[in-house]
Amino acid sequence: MSVSFGIAGTGWVSEQYLKWIAHHPQGKIAGIFGGDPDRARARLHGLQLDGKVYASFRDMADDPDVDAIVLCSRPDSRHEQAILAAELGKHLIIEKPVAMDRANLARMGETIGKQGIVTTVSFVLRWNPLLEIAKSLTGSGAIGDVIMAGVDYWHAIPSDSWSASRRQGGSSLLSAGCHAVDALRYLAGEVEEVTAYSHRGPHSGYEYDPNVLAVAKLRNGGMGKISSLLECATPYKFNIQLHGTNGTLLNNRLFSSIFPGQTDYAEIPTVLPDSGEVAHHPFQAEIDEFIHAVIHRSGTRCDFADAARSMEVCYAIDESAATGRTIRIIA
């Protein structure tokens, strides 16, 4: 059995989906849709792939040859495309942000929940080897109960980028920092409430505050810290800190009571989430898991329902920064 994909969107990330789907022995590219047909055609030809160039998203969603659709289209159109594709029974990979606001996230969830389709939201760092190691450590007792967790997304994105607008970027978290929010939830557990602060420089080209810091109360009683800095002078950094009753993980350095006699942090050789380049991200592992899930009707590690909870935390952080209030997370 093979899984045939339609790709919505022609940005840089679409190239990764096209490449790794075509690389999978059970993956097939049916075609691509984008606002510029020549750009869509160039994406296929650049990877020496055959496929249709659809005139509209509806044409792609209606195509009986399409089993699944990857939504790496513009954020402000993503929710409508997801709802239409789900109504037609197409399995979905959805790029972040899932939706730009709570109302459209709820609409998506209602439709997807009725259809019984396989979904993956591309919080792609869940497939990064360091995060896989960190997840296994929290489950093994090497960290113990989390006392404090912190995740930082620092990426100096030029303000002339499409993501600097409110319509397309939305906020620091929606445009990029949601990866940090999702990583904190994935590794430390659910968030109950947040208090956040934001900042924008006097000469900023952003239409929103590109720098955000949030403090979170975790459901397990621990504390969390999330920062998303898009307007800063720094190389790309994605920092992970997990402080627990049995040990501490600082990125790929571990100190744990399960190693009697350890006197300092031990370095774990692995691949870190240390680049903002999409080609560095583990799309192959994400796509491999998704194709397996479609064929075997199994779950994925980041389905829509799970990712929606990360989005709720993002909306709450943005609301707190805007109002100055502590915001409880909608269950």
Protein backbone atom coordinates (compact mmCIF):
# COMPACT_ATOMS: atom_id res chain seq x y z
CA MET A 1 0.00 0.00 0.00
CA SER A 2 1.16 3.53 -0.74
CA VAL A 3 0.00 6.91 0.57
CA SER A 4 -0.48 9.60 -2.07
CA PHE A 5 0.04 13.22 -0.99
CA GLY A 6 -1.06 16.62 -2.16
CA ILE A 7 1.08 19.54 -1.00
CA ALA A 8 -0.52 22.93 -0.30
CA GLY A 9 2.09 25.67 -0.36
CA THR A 10 5.30 26.38 -2.25
CA GLY A 11 7.56 27.88 0.44
CA TRP A 12 10.90 26.44 1.52
CA VAL A 13 9.31 23.95 3.89
CA SER A 14 7.30 22.41 1.04
CA GLU A 15 10.58 21.23 -0.48
CA GLN A 16 11.30 19.14 2.62
CA TYR A 17 7.89 17.46 2.47
CA LEU A 18 8.21 16.75 -1.24
CA LYS A 19 11.71 15.33 -0.84
CA TRP A 20 11.05 13.04 2.10
CA ILE A 21 7.64 11.81 0.96
CA ALA A 22 9.16 10.85 -2.40
CA HIS A 23 12.05 9.19 -0.56
CA HIS A 24 9.70 6.91 1.41
CA PRO A 25 9.05 3.56 -0.33
CA GLN A 26 5.32 3.89 0.38
CA GLY A 27 5.04 7.63 -0.25
CA LYS A 28 3.81 9.14 -3.49
CA ILE A 29 3.44 12.75 -4.67
CA ALA A 30 0.10 13.30 -6.41
CA GLY A 31 0.66 17.02 -6.91
CA ILE A 32 1.00 20.49 -5.48
CA PHE A 33 -1.08 23.65 -5.19
CA GLY A 34 0.21 27.17 -4.71
CA GLY A 35 -0.81 30.71 -5.55
CA ASP A 36 1.80 30.83 -8.31
CA PRO A 37 1.52 27.80 -10.66
CA ASP A 38 5.00 28.43 -12.10
CA ARG A 39 6.53 28.37 -8.62
CA ALA A 40 4.60 25.18 -7.81
CA ARG A 41 5.82 23.57 -11.03
CA ALA A 42 9.39 24.64 -10.23
CA ARG A 43 9.18 22.96 -6.82
CA LEU A 44 8.38 19.63 -8.50
CA HIS A 45 10.93 20.01 -11.26
CA GLY A 46 13.65 21.09 -8.84
CA LEU A 47 13.41 17.68 -7.17
CA GLN A 48 12.83 15.84 -10.47
CA LEU A 49 9.34 14.80 -9.37
CA ASP A 50 6.27 14.16 -11.45
CA GLY A 51 2.92 15.42 -10.21
CA LYS A 52 -0.05 17.59 -10.99
CA VAL A 53 -0.09 21.34 -10.50
CA TYR A 54 -3.61 21.99 -9.26
CA ALA A 55 -5.48 25.13 -10.23
CA SER A 56 -7.10 25.41 -6.78
CA PHE A 57 -6.97 23.84 -3.35
CA ARG A 58 -10.47 22.48 -3.96
CA ASP A 59 -9.24 20.66 -7.07
CA MET A 60 -6.52 18.99 -5.02
CA ALA A 61 -8.85 18.09 -2.15
CA ASP A 62 -11.39 16.63 -4.61
CA ASP A 63 -8.79 14.47 -6.36
CA PRO A 64 -9.53 10.79 -5.56
CA ASP A 65 -5.82 10.04 -6.07
CA VAL A 66 -4.97 12.16 -2.99
CA ASP A 67 -5.02 10.26 0.32
CA ALA A 68 -3.38 12.92 2.47
CA ILE A 69 -2.68 16.63 2.29
CA VAL A 70 0.23 18.58 3.74
CA LEU A 71 -0.81 22.10 4.75
CA CYS A 72 2.26 24.30 4.52
CA SER A 73 0.20 27.08 3.01
CA ARG A 74 -0.27 30.61 4.37
CA PRO A 75 -1.26 30.61 8.06
CA ASP A 76 -4.35 32.75 7.52
CA SER A 77 -5.83 30.25 5.03
CA ARG A 78 -4.78 27.06 6.78
CA HIS A 79 -7.88 26.56 8.92
CA GLU A 80 -10.30 26.72 5.97
CA GLN A 81 -8.17 24.31 3.97
CA ALA A 82 -7.95 21.89 6.90
CA ILE A 83 -11.72 21.91 7.40
CA LEU A 84 -12.40 21.26 3.70
CA ALA A 85 -9.80 18.50 3.46
CA ALA A 86 -11.07 16.82 6.64
CA GLU A 87 -14.66 16.95 5.38
CA LEU A 88 -13.48 15.06 2.28
CA GLY A 89 -11.75 12.43 4.41
CA LYS A 90 -8.15 13.41 3.65
CA HIS A 91 -5.50 12.66 6.26
CA LEU A 92 -3.60 15.78 7.29
CA ILE A 93 -0.14 17.03 8.12
CA ILE A 94 -0.59 20.60 9.36
CA GLU A 95 2.24 23.09 9.65
CA LYS A 96 2.39 25.44 12.61
CA PRO A 97 0.67 27.59 13.65
CA VAL A 98 -2.33 25.27 13.48
CA ALA A 99 -4.71 28.25 13.53
CA MET A 100 -4.32 31.96 14.17
CA ASP A 101 -6.97 32.13 16.89
CA ARG A 102 -9.04 30.03 19.28
CA ALA A 103 -12.25 30.23 17.25
CA ASN A 104 -10.74 28.74 14.10
CA LEU A 105 -8.82 26.14 16.11
CA ALA A 106 -12.14 25.03 17.60
CA ARG A 107 -13.76 24.84 14.15
CA MET A 108 -10.91 22.69 12.91
CA GLY A 109 -11.10 20.42 15.94
CA GLU A 110 -14.83 19.89 15.58
CA THR A 111 -14.53 18.80 11.94
CA ILE A 112 -11.39 16.69 12.37
CA GLY A 113 -12.85 14.96 15.42
CA LYS A 114 -15.83 13.73 13.40
CA GLN A 115 -13.88 12.30 10.48
CA GLY A 116 -11.57 9.71 12.03
CA ILE A 117 -8.63 10.82 9.92
CA VAL A 118 -4.94 10.54 10.82
CA THR A 119 -3.38 13.89 11.73
CA THR A 120 0.08 15.16 12.53
CA VAL A 121 0.88 18.75 13.42
CA SER A 122 4.40 19.66 12.43
CA PHE A 123 5.89 20.55 15.75
CA VAL A 124 8.77 18.83 14.05
CA LEU A 125 11.23 19.14 16.93
CA ARG A 126 9.39 16.33 18.70
CA TRP A 127 11.33 14.11 16.29
CA ASN A 128 14.68 15.75 17.02
CA PRO A 129 17.06 13.25 18.71
CA LEU A 130 17.76 15.51 21.71
CA LEU A 131 14.05 15.91 22.43
CA GLU A 132 13.56 12.16 22.01
CA ILE A 133 16.34 11.59 24.56
CA ALA A 134 14.89 14.20 26.92
CA LYS A 135 11.45 12.57 26.66
CA SER A 136 12.90 9.16 27.48
CA LEU A 137 14.80 10.60 30.45
CA THR A 138 11.65 12.11 31.95
CA GLY A 139 9.96 8.73 31.64
CA SER A 140 12.85 6.71 33.05
CA GLY A 141 13.26 8.50 36.39
CA ALA A 142 16.59 10.08 35.47
CA ILE A 143 15.00 13.53 35.86
CA GLY A 144 12.26 12.64 38.34
CA ASP A 145 9.39 15.02 39.04
CA VAL A 146 9.91 18.25 37.15
CA ILE A 147 10.54 21.21 39.47
CA MET A 148 11.29 23.73 36.74
CA ALA A 149 11.39 23.48 32.97
CA GLY A 150 12.55 26.13 30.53
CA VAL A 151 12.58 26.27 26.75
CA ASP A 152 13.95 29.18 24.69
CA TYR A 153 13.40 29.96 21.00
CA TRP A 154 15.88 32.63 19.94
CA HIS A 155 15.97 33.39 16.22
CA ALA A 156 16.81 36.79 14.75
CA ILE A 157 14.24 36.88 11.94
CA PRO A 158 14.40 40.04 9.78
CA SER A 159 11.38 42.28 10.09
CA ASP A 160 10.93 42.32 6.32
CA SER A 161 9.89 38.66 6.51
CA TRP A 162 6.25 37.74 5.79
CA SER A 163 5.97 36.55 9.39
CA ALA A 164 6.45 40.10 10.72
CA SER A 165 2.87 41.02 9.80
CA ARG A 166 -0.07 40.45 12.11
CA ARG A 167 -2.05 38.76 9.37
CA GLN A 168 0.58 36.13 8.54
CA GLY A 169 2.81 36.00 11.62
CA GLY A 170 0.24 36.85 14.26
CA SER A 171 2.61 36.99 17.23
CA SER A 172 6.08 35.92 18.31
CA LEU A 173 4.70 32.57 19.41
CA LEU A 174 2.36 31.92 16.52
CA SER A 175 5.01 32.69 13.91
CA ALA A 176 7.83 30.66 15.47
CA GLY A 177 8.04 30.43 19.27
CA CYS A 178 5.20 27.90 19.47
CA HIS A 179 7.93 25.27 19.03
CA ALA A 180 9.19 26.23 22.50
CA VAL A 181 5.69 26.07 23.97
CA ASP A 182 5.12 22.63 22.49
CA ALA A 183 8.50 21.34 23.66
CA LEU A 184 7.78 22.46 27.22
CA ARG A 185 4.42 20.66 27.22
CA TYR A 186 5.92 17.56 25.60
CA LEU A 187 8.71 17.27 28.14
CA ALA A 188 7.28 18.74 31.35
CA GLY A 189 3.52 18.18 31.13
CA GLU A 190 0.43 20.32 30.90
CA VAL A 191 0.33 24.02 31.72
CA GLU A 192 -2.37 25.38 34.06
CA GLU A 193 -1.77 29.12 33.84
CA VAL A 194 0.65 31.68 32.43
CA THR A 195 1.84 35.21 33.07
CA ALA A 196 3.68 36.87 30.21
CA TYR A 197 5.46 40.04 29.15
CA SER A 198 6.39 41.25 25.66
CA HIS A 199 8.70 43.79 24.09
CA ARG A 200 9.18 45.59 20.77
CA GLY A 201 12.08 47.89 19.97
CA PRO A 202 11.44 51.58 19.12
CA HIS A 203 12.49 51.07 15.49
CA SER A 204 10.95 47.65 15.03
CA GLY A 205 9.49 46.65 11.69
CA TYR A 206 7.24 44.08 13.35
CA GLU A 207 3.49 44.67 13.63
CA TYR A 208 3.46 42.88 16.97
CA ASP A 209 5.86 42.51 19.90
CA PRO A 210 8.45 40.02 18.61
CA ASN A 211 9.96 39.25 22.02
CA VAL A 212 7.98 37.39 24.68
CA LEU A 213 8.78 35.91 28.09
CA ALA A 214 6.25 33.75 29.95
CA VAL A 215 6.19 32.11 33.36
CA ALA A 216 3.97 29.05 33.65
CA LYS A 217 2.40 27.00 36.42
CA LEU A 218 2.57 23.32 35.53
CA ARG A 219 -0.21 20.90 36.36
CA ASN A 220 2.23 18.76 38.38
CA GLY A 221 2.99 21.74 40.64
CA GLY A 222 6.26 22.64 38.94
CA MET A 223 7.24 25.87 37.21
CA GLY A 224 7.89 26.66 33.57
CA LYS A 225 9.61 29.39 31.60
CA ILE A 226 9.22 30.08 27.87
CA SER A 227 10.98 32.76 25.85
CA SER A 228 10.57 33.61 22.19
CA LEU A 229 12.96 36.26 20.88
CA LEU A 230 12.75 37.17 17.20
CA GLU A 231 14.27 40.65 17.35
CA CYS A 232 17.60 40.07 19.04
CA ALA A 233 21.30 39.85 18.21
CA THR A 234 22.04 36.16 18.62
CA PRO A 235 22.75 33.05 16.60
CA TYR A 236 19.81 30.63 16.49
CA LYS A 237 19.34 28.93 19.86
CA PHE A 238 16.78 26.42 21.11
CA ASN A 239 17.63 25.88 24.77
CA ILE A 240 16.12 23.14 26.93
CA GLN A 241 16.37 23.00 30.71
CA LEU A 242 14.73 20.30 32.84
CA HIS A 243 15.32 20.49 36.59
CA GLY A 244 13.88 17.58 38.53
CA THR A 245 13.96 15.77 41.85
CA ASN A 246 16.43 13.18 40.46
CA GLY A 247 18.43 15.15 37.93
CA THR A 248 18.89 18.06 35.55
CA LEU A 249 19.20 18.21 31.77
CA LEU A 250 20.79 21.31 30.22
CA ASN A 251 20.45 20.79 26.48
CA ASN A 252 22.57 17.66 25.92
CA ARG A 253 24.27 17.70 29.34
CA LEU A 254 22.88 15.44 32.07
CA PHE A 255 23.44 15.24 35.82
CA SER A 256 21.41 12.55 37.58
CA SER A 257 21.27 10.65 40.85
CA ILE A 258 20.84 7.40 38.90
CA PHE A 259 24.61 7.60 38.28
CA PRO A 260 26.17 7.20 41.75
CA GLY A 261 29.44 9.07 42.05
CA GLN A 262 28.76 11.52 39.24
CA THR A 263 30.37 14.85 40.07
CA ASP A 264 29.54 16.99 37.04
CA TYR A 265 27.35 17.06 33.95
CA ALA A 266 27.94 14.35 31.35
CA GLU A 267 27.60 15.30 27.70
CA ILE A 268 25.30 13.21 25.52
CA PRO A 269 26.52 13.05 21.92
CA THR A 270 23.43 13.65 19.76
CA VAL A 271 21.86 15.93 17.16
CA LEU A 272 20.72 19.17 18.79
CA PRO A 273 17.91 21.46 17.58
CA ASP A 274 20.53 24.10 16.93
CA SER A 275 19.60 25.47 13.52
CA GLY A 276 16.69 27.47 12.17
CA GLU A 277 17.23 26.04 8.68
CA VAL A 278 14.27 23.86 7.72
CA ALA A 279 16.61 21.33 6.09
CA HIS A 280 18.09 20.65 9.54
CA HIS A 281 14.74 19.63 11.02
CA PRO A 282 13.78 15.92 11.20
CA PHE A 283 11.04 15.90 8.56
CA GLN A 284 11.98 12.40 7.42
CA ALA A 285 11.19 10.91 10.83
CA GLU A 286 7.92 12.84 11.03
CA ILE A 287 6.80 11.71 7.57
CA ASP A 288 7.87 8.10 8.19
CA GLU A 289 5.70 8.00 11.32
CA PHE A 290 2.75 9.63 9.55
CA ILE A 291 2.80 7.19 6.60
CA HIS A 292 2.99 4.26 9.04
CA ALA A 293 0.03 5.69 10.95
CA VAL A 294 -2.09 6.08 7.79
CA ILE A 295 -1.35 2.54 6.61
CA HIS A 296 -1.88 0.93 10.03
CA ARG A 297 -4.52 3.39 11.30
CA SER A 298 -2.42 4.15 14.37
CA GLY A 299 -1.72 7.39 16.20
CA THR A 300 1.12 9.88 15.85
CA ARG A 301 3.13 11.55 18.57
CA CYS A 302 1.69 14.97 17.71
CA ASP A 303 -1.88 14.62 16.49
CA PHE A 304 -4.30 17.52 16.19
CA ALA A 305 -5.83 17.11 19.66
CA ASP A 306 -2.43 17.13 21.35
CA ALA A 307 -1.10 20.06 19.31
CA ALA A 308 -4.28 22.04 19.99
CA ARG A 309 -3.32 22.11 23.68
CA SER A 310 0.02 23.70 22.76
CA MET A 311 -1.84 26.28 20.69
CA GLU A 312 -4.11 27.07 23.66
CA VAL A 313 -1.02 27.86 25.72
CA CYS A 314 0.23 30.16 22.94
CA TYR A 315 -3.08 32.05 22.86
CA ALA A 316 -3.04 32.36 26.66
CA ILE A 317 0.52 33.75 26.66
CA ASP A 318 -0.40 36.31 24.01
CA GLU A 319 -3.51 37.28 25.98
CA SER A 320 -1.52 37.67 29.18
CA ALA A 321 1.13 39.83 27.51
CA ALA A 322 -1.60 42.04 26.00
CA THR A 323 -3.69 42.44 29.15
CA GLY A 324 -1.19 42.16 31.99
CA ARG A 325 -3.29 39.42 33.59
CA THR A 326 -2.52 35.84 34.54
CA ILE A 327 -4.47 33.56 32.17
CA ARG A 328 -5.69 30.09 33.02
CA ILE A 329 -5.48 27.56 30.21
CA ILE A 330 -8.73 26.34 28.70
CA ALA A 331 -9.01 22.62 29.42
